[in-house]
Amino acid sequence: MKIVIHNNERCKDRVEEQWKGRQEDLLNPDFDYLGFNYVEPGTWPDQLEGYYRWQFSWGGPSDELRAFVNLDKSIHRLEYWFLDWGDGAKLGVPKDSDAWHKMQQMIEVAG
């Protein structure tokens, strides 16, 4: 995905465009992401729930998928986050999407 700098636009104005481009990346079997890990509850201020993070980029801007799971590690909520220097926006990802299915597979492999 090509990141384009938009100096005066807030993340909420850009998140849909960024997610559309990232979904295209996720269809490419050779797409290389930055990392996959679990973020413990309380890592960030006011963060009550832990989540699995599939991180695509870091810095300004950065983007990632966040999967919130049930006790059996099935996803109950998936969000796409677009962040840029103190600003951020998120979108809910539908349960029937390719991204949801890929994220669930990654969680299962991670154990």
N, C-alpha and C. Protein backbone atom coordinates (compact mmCIF):
# COMPACT_ATOMS: atom_id res chain seq x y z
N MET A 1 0.85 -1.16 0.00
CA MET A 1 0.00 0.00 0.00
C MET A 1 0.89 1.22 0.00
N LYS A 2 0.58 2.17 -0.83
CA LYS A 2 1.32 3.43 -0.89
C LYS A 2 0.72 4.40 0.12
N ILE A 3 1.57 4.92 1.01
CA ILE A 3 1.13 5.89 2.00
C ILE A 3 1.35 7.28 1.41
N VAL A 4 0.30 8.07 1.40
CA VAL A 4 0.38 9.44 0.89
C VAL A 4 0.20 10.39 2.06
N ILE A 5 1.09 11.36 2.19
CA ILE A 5 1.01 12.32 3.28
C ILE A 5 -0.04 13.38 2.96
N HIS A 6 -0.96 13.56 3.88
CA HIS A 6 -2.01 14.57 3.78
C HIS A 6 -1.86 15.46 5.00
N ASN A 7 -1.12 16.52 4.90
CA ASN A 7 -0.74 17.32 6.06
C ASN A 7 -1.90 17.91 6.84
N ASN A 8 -3.00 18.23 6.22
CA ASN A 8 -4.07 18.92 6.93
C ASN A 8 -5.30 18.05 7.21
N GLU A 9 -5.24 16.78 6.85
CA GLU A 9 -6.40 15.91 7.06
C GLU A 9 -6.23 15.09 8.34
N ARG A 10 -7.30 14.95 9.07
CA ARG A 10 -7.28 14.14 10.27
C ARG A 10 -7.49 12.67 9.89
N CYS A 11 -7.12 11.79 10.79
CA CYS A 11 -7.24 10.35 10.53
C CYS A 11 -8.67 9.95 10.21
N LYS A 12 -9.65 10.55 10.88
CA LYS A 12 -11.05 10.18 10.62
C LYS A 12 -11.45 10.47 9.18
N ASP A 13 -10.77 11.42 8.54
CA ASP A 13 -11.06 11.74 7.15
C ASP A 13 -10.32 10.82 6.18
N ARG A 14 -9.37 10.08 6.67
CA ARG A 14 -8.52 9.25 5.82
C ARG A 14 -8.67 7.75 6.03
N VAL A 15 -9.27 7.34 7.15
CA VAL A 15 -9.26 5.94 7.54
C VAL A 15 -9.94 5.04 6.50
N GLU A 16 -11.03 5.45 5.91
CA GLU A 16 -11.71 4.60 4.93
C GLU A 16 -10.85 4.37 3.69
N GLU A 17 -10.21 5.41 3.20
CA GLU A 17 -9.32 5.28 2.04
C GLU A 17 -8.14 4.37 2.36
N GLN A 18 -7.58 4.52 3.54
CA GLN A 18 -6.44 3.69 3.94
C GLN A 18 -6.84 2.22 4.07
N TRP A 19 -8.02 1.97 4.64
CA TRP A 19 -8.49 0.60 4.80
C TRP A 19 -8.76 -0.05 3.45
N LYS A 20 -9.30 0.70 2.53
CA LYS A 20 -9.56 0.17 1.19
C LYS A 20 -8.24 -0.29 0.54
N GLY A 21 -7.22 0.52 0.64
CA GLY A 21 -5.92 0.15 0.09
C GLY A 21 -5.29 -1.03 0.81
N ARG A 22 -5.44 -1.08 2.13
CA ARG A 22 -4.85 -2.17 2.91
C ARG A 22 -5.53 -3.49 2.58
N GLN A 23 -6.84 -3.47 2.33
CA GLN A 23 -7.53 -4.70 1.96
C GLN A 23 -6.98 -5.28 0.66
N GLU A 24 -6.60 -4.42 -0.26
CA GLU A 24 -5.97 -4.88 -1.50
C GLU A 24 -4.64 -5.56 -1.19
N ASP A 25 -3.86 -4.98 -0.27
CA ASP A 25 -2.59 -5.59 0.14
C ASP A 25 -2.81 -6.98 0.71
N LEU A 26 -3.85 -7.14 1.52
CA LEU A 26 -4.08 -8.41 2.20
C LEU A 26 -4.47 -9.53 1.23
N LEU A 27 -4.90 -9.17 0.04
CA LEU A 27 -5.21 -10.18 -0.99
C LEU A 27 -3.96 -10.72 -1.66
N ASN A 28 -2.85 -10.02 -1.52
CA ASN A 28 -1.58 -10.42 -2.13
C ASN A 28 -0.89 -11.43 -1.22
N PRO A 29 -0.67 -12.68 -1.69
CA PRO A 29 -0.04 -13.69 -0.84
C PRO A 29 1.41 -13.33 -0.45
N ASP A 30 2.03 -12.43 -1.17
CA ASP A 30 3.41 -12.02 -0.86
C ASP A 30 3.47 -10.78 0.03
N PHE A 31 2.32 -10.27 0.47
CA PHE A 31 2.31 -9.09 1.33
C PHE A 31 3.07 -9.36 2.62
N ASP A 32 3.98 -8.46 2.96
CA ASP A 32 4.81 -8.61 4.15
C ASP A 32 4.38 -7.58 5.19
N TYR A 33 3.95 -8.04 6.33
CA TYR A 33 3.49 -7.14 7.40
C TYR A 33 4.60 -6.93 8.42
N LEU A 34 4.40 -5.99 9.31
CA LEU A 34 5.40 -5.62 10.29
C LEU A 34 5.46 -6.58 11.47
N GLY A 35 4.32 -6.97 11.99
CA GLY A 35 4.33 -7.86 13.15
C GLY A 35 2.96 -8.33 13.56
N PHE A 36 2.95 -9.34 14.43
CA PHE A 36 1.72 -9.89 14.99
C PHE A 36 2.00 -10.21 16.45
N ASN A 37 1.19 -9.67 17.36
CA ASN A 37 1.41 -9.93 18.78
C ASN A 37 0.13 -9.70 19.57
N TYR A 38 0.20 -10.05 20.87
CA TYR A 38 -0.91 -9.82 21.77
C TYR A 38 -0.58 -8.61 22.64
N VAL A 39 -1.51 -7.69 22.76
CA VAL A 39 -1.35 -6.49 23.58
C VAL A 39 -2.16 -6.71 24.85
N GLU A 40 -1.47 -6.83 25.97
CA GLU A 40 -2.09 -7.09 27.27
C GLU A 40 -3.03 -5.96 27.69
N PRO A 41 -4.09 -6.28 28.43
CA PRO A 41 -4.93 -5.23 29.00
C PRO A 41 -4.08 -4.31 29.88
N GLY A 42 -4.37 -3.02 29.84
CA GLY A 42 -3.63 -2.05 30.65
C GLY A 42 -2.33 -1.57 30.03
N THR A 43 -2.01 -2.01 28.82
CA THR A 43 -0.80 -1.53 28.15
C THR A 43 -0.91 -0.04 27.87
N TRP A 44 -2.09 0.40 27.49
CA TRP A 44 -2.36 1.81 27.21
C TRP A 44 -3.32 2.35 28.27
N PRO A 45 -3.28 3.62 28.56
CA PRO A 45 -4.23 4.18 29.54
C PRO A 45 -5.69 3.88 29.16
N ASP A 46 -6.46 3.47 30.13
CA ASP A 46 -7.89 3.17 29.96
C ASP A 46 -8.17 1.99 29.04
N GLN A 47 -7.17 1.14 28.79
CA GLN A 47 -7.37 -0.05 27.95
C GLN A 47 -7.74 -1.22 28.86
N LEU A 48 -9.01 -1.57 28.87
CA LEU A 48 -9.49 -2.64 29.75
C LEU A 48 -9.38 -4.02 29.13
N GLU A 49 -9.38 -4.08 27.82
CA GLU A 49 -9.43 -5.36 27.11
C GLU A 49 -8.16 -5.56 26.29
N GLY A 50 -7.57 -6.75 26.38
CA GLY A 50 -6.43 -7.08 25.54
C GLY A 50 -6.89 -7.38 24.13
N TYR A 51 -5.93 -7.37 23.20
CA TYR A 51 -6.28 -7.66 21.81
C TYR A 51 -5.06 -8.18 21.05
N TYR A 52 -5.34 -8.94 19.99
CA TYR A 52 -4.30 -9.35 19.06
C TYR A 52 -4.13 -8.24 18.04
N ARG A 53 -2.87 -7.92 17.76
CA ARG A 53 -2.56 -6.83 16.84
C ARG A 53 -1.79 -7.38 15.64
N TRP A 54 -2.33 -7.12 14.46
CA TRP A 54 -1.65 -7.43 13.20
C TRP A 54 -1.20 -6.08 12.67
N GLN A 55 0.06 -5.79 12.86
CA GLN A 55 0.59 -4.47 12.56
C GLN A 55 1.18 -4.44 11.15
N PHE A 56 0.74 -3.45 10.37
CA PHE A 56 1.16 -3.33 8.98
C PHE A 56 2.25 -2.29 8.79
N SER A 57 2.17 -1.20 9.52
CA SER A 57 3.17 -0.14 9.40
C SER A 57 3.31 0.57 10.74
N TRP A 58 4.40 1.31 10.90
CA TRP A 58 4.68 1.98 12.17
C TRP A 58 5.25 3.36 11.89
N GLY A 59 4.98 4.28 12.77
CA GLY A 59 5.50 5.64 12.64
C GLY A 59 4.36 6.59 12.37
N GLY A 60 4.58 7.48 11.47
CA GLY A 60 3.54 8.43 11.10
C GLY A 60 3.39 8.40 9.59
N PRO A 61 2.34 7.81 9.11
CA PRO A 61 1.25 7.11 9.80
C PRO A 61 1.56 5.64 10.06
N SER A 62 0.72 5.01 10.85
CA SER A 62 0.78 3.57 11.07
C SER A 62 -0.63 3.01 10.98
N ASP A 63 -0.70 1.69 10.75
CA ASP A 63 -2.02 1.06 10.69
C ASP A 63 -1.93 -0.38 11.13
N GLU A 64 -3.07 -0.90 11.61
CA GLU A 64 -3.12 -2.25 12.15
C GLU A 64 -4.56 -2.73 12.28
N LEU A 65 -4.69 -4.05 12.39
CA LEU A 65 -5.96 -4.67 12.76
C LEU A 65 -5.87 -5.06 14.23
N ARG A 66 -6.96 -4.87 14.96
CA ARG A 66 -7.04 -5.26 16.36
C ARG A 66 -8.20 -6.22 16.53
N ALA A 67 -7.89 -7.43 16.99
CA ALA A 67 -8.91 -8.46 17.21
C ALA A 67 -9.13 -8.65 18.70
N PHE A 68 -10.36 -8.47 19.12
CA PHE A 68 -10.77 -8.69 20.51
C PHE A 68 -11.47 -10.05 20.53
N VAL A 69 -11.02 -10.93 21.45
CA VAL A 69 -11.44 -12.32 21.38
C VAL A 69 -12.20 -12.76 22.64
N ASN A 70 -12.98 -13.84 22.45
CA ASN A 70 -13.66 -14.52 23.54
C ASN A 70 -12.68 -15.46 24.24
N LEU A 71 -13.11 -16.13 25.30
CA LEU A 71 -12.23 -17.06 26.01
C LEU A 71 -11.72 -18.19 25.13
N ASP A 72 -12.50 -18.60 24.12
CA ASP A 72 -12.06 -19.66 23.21
C ASP A 72 -11.22 -19.11 22.05
N LYS A 73 -10.83 -17.85 22.14
CA LYS A 73 -10.01 -17.13 21.17
C LYS A 73 -10.71 -16.88 19.83
N SER A 74 -12.03 -17.01 19.80
CA SER A 74 -12.78 -16.61 18.61
C SER A 74 -12.97 -15.09 18.68
N ILE A 75 -12.86 -14.46 17.54
CA ILE A 75 -12.97 -13.00 17.48
C ILE A 75 -14.42 -12.58 17.72
N HIS A 76 -14.62 -11.62 18.60
CA HIS A 76 -15.95 -11.05 18.77
C HIS A 76 -16.02 -9.62 18.22
N ARG A 77 -14.84 -9.01 17.97
CA ARG A 77 -14.81 -7.66 17.38
C ARG A 77 -13.46 -7.49 16.69
N LEU A 78 -13.50 -6.96 15.47
CA LEU A 78 -12.28 -6.68 14.72
C LEU A 78 -12.33 -5.23 14.25
N GLU A 79 -11.25 -4.49 14.50
CA GLU A 79 -11.19 -3.08 14.15
C GLU A 79 -9.93 -2.81 13.33
N TYR A 80 -10.06 -1.95 12.34
CA TYR A 80 -8.91 -1.44 11.60
C TYR A 80 -8.61 -0.06 12.18
N TRP A 81 -7.36 0.16 12.56
CA TRP A 81 -6.91 1.43 13.14
C TRP A 81 -5.91 2.10 12.22
N PHE A 82 -6.10 3.39 12.01
CA PHE A 82 -5.17 4.24 11.26
C PHE A 82 -4.73 5.34 12.21
N LEU A 83 -3.43 5.46 12.44
CA LEU A 83 -2.87 6.37 13.45
C LEU A 83 -1.80 7.25 12.83
N ASP A 84 -1.81 8.52 13.23
CA ASP A 84 -0.81 9.45 12.70
C ASP A 84 -0.52 10.55 13.72
N TRP A 85 0.60 10.42 14.41
CA TRP A 85 1.13 11.43 15.32
C TRP A 85 0.09 12.06 16.23
N GLY A 86 -0.40 11.27 17.18
CA GLY A 86 -1.33 11.78 18.18
C GLY A 86 -2.77 11.80 17.74
N ASP A 87 -3.05 11.33 16.54
CA ASP A 87 -4.41 11.28 16.03
C ASP A 87 -4.67 9.83 15.60
N GLY A 88 -5.90 9.42 15.64
CA GLY A 88 -6.23 8.06 15.23
C GLY A 88 -7.70 7.92 14.93
N ALA A 89 -8.01 6.92 14.12
CA ALA A 89 -9.40 6.61 13.78
C ALA A 89 -9.50 5.11 13.54
N LYS A 90 -10.70 4.58 13.77
CA LYS A 90 -10.91 3.15 13.58
C LYS A 90 -12.19 2.89 12.80
N LEU A 91 -12.22 1.70 12.20
CA LEU A 91 -13.40 1.20 11.50
C LEU A 91 -13.67 -0.21 11.98
N GLY A 92 -14.92 -0.57 12.12
CA GLY A 92 -15.28 -1.95 12.40
C GLY A 92 -15.16 -2.77 11.13
N VAL A 93 -14.60 -3.98 11.26
CA VAL A 93 -14.43 -4.87 10.12
C VAL A 93 -15.52 -5.94 10.18
N PRO A 94 -16.27 -6.14 9.10
CA PRO A 94 -17.37 -7.11 9.11
C PRO A 94 -16.91 -8.55 9.32
N LYS A 95 -17.74 -9.31 9.99
CA LYS A 95 -17.43 -10.70 10.31
C LYS A 95 -17.25 -11.58 9.07
N ASP A 96 -17.89 -11.25 7.98
CA ASP A 96 -17.80 -12.07 6.78
C ASP A 96 -16.66 -11.66 5.85
N SER A 97 -15.76 -10.80 6.31
CA SER A 97 -14.68 -10.30 5.46
C SER A 97 -13.48 -11.25 5.42
N ASP A 98 -12.68 -11.14 4.36
CA ASP A 98 -11.44 -11.91 4.26
C ASP A 98 -10.50 -11.57 5.40
N ALA A 99 -10.44 -10.31 5.79
CA ALA A 99 -9.55 -9.88 6.87
C ALA A 99 -9.92 -10.59 8.18
N TRP A 100 -11.21 -10.70 8.47
CA TRP A 100 -11.66 -11.36 9.69
C TRP A 100 -11.17 -12.81 9.69
N HIS A 101 -11.36 -13.51 8.57
CA HIS A 101 -10.98 -14.92 8.47
C HIS A 101 -9.46 -15.09 8.59
N LYS A 102 -8.70 -14.22 7.94
CA LYS A 102 -7.24 -14.30 8.03
C LYS A 102 -6.76 -14.03 9.45
N MET A 103 -7.36 -13.05 10.10
CA MET A 103 -6.98 -12.72 11.47
C MET A 103 -7.29 -13.89 12.40
N GLN A 104 -8.44 -14.52 12.23
CA GLN A 104 -8.80 -15.67 13.07
C GLN A 104 -7.80 -16.80 12.88
N GLN A 105 -7.38 -17.04 11.67
CA GLN A 105 -6.37 -18.09 11.40
C GLN A 105 -5.05 -17.76 12.09
N MET A 106 -4.64 -16.51 12.05
CA MET A 106 -3.37 -16.11 12.69
C MET A 106 -3.45 -16.31 14.21
N ILE A 107 -4.58 -16.01 14.80
CA ILE A 107 -4.76 -16.19 16.24
C ILE A 107 -4.68 -17.67 16.60
N GLU A 108 -5.32 -18.51 15.79
CA GLU A 108 -5.30 -19.95 16.05
C GLU A 108 -3.88 -20.51 15.95
N VAL A 109 -3.11 -20.05 14.97
CA VAL A 109 -1.73 -20.51 14.81
C VAL A 109 -0.86 -20.04 15.98
N ALA A 110 -1.12 -18.82 16.46
CA ALA A 110 -0.35 -18.25 17.55
C ALA A 110 -0.57 -19.03 18.86
N GLY A 111 -1.72 -19.74 18.93
CA GLY A 111 -2.00 -20.56 20.11
C GLY A 111 -2.61 -19.77 21.16
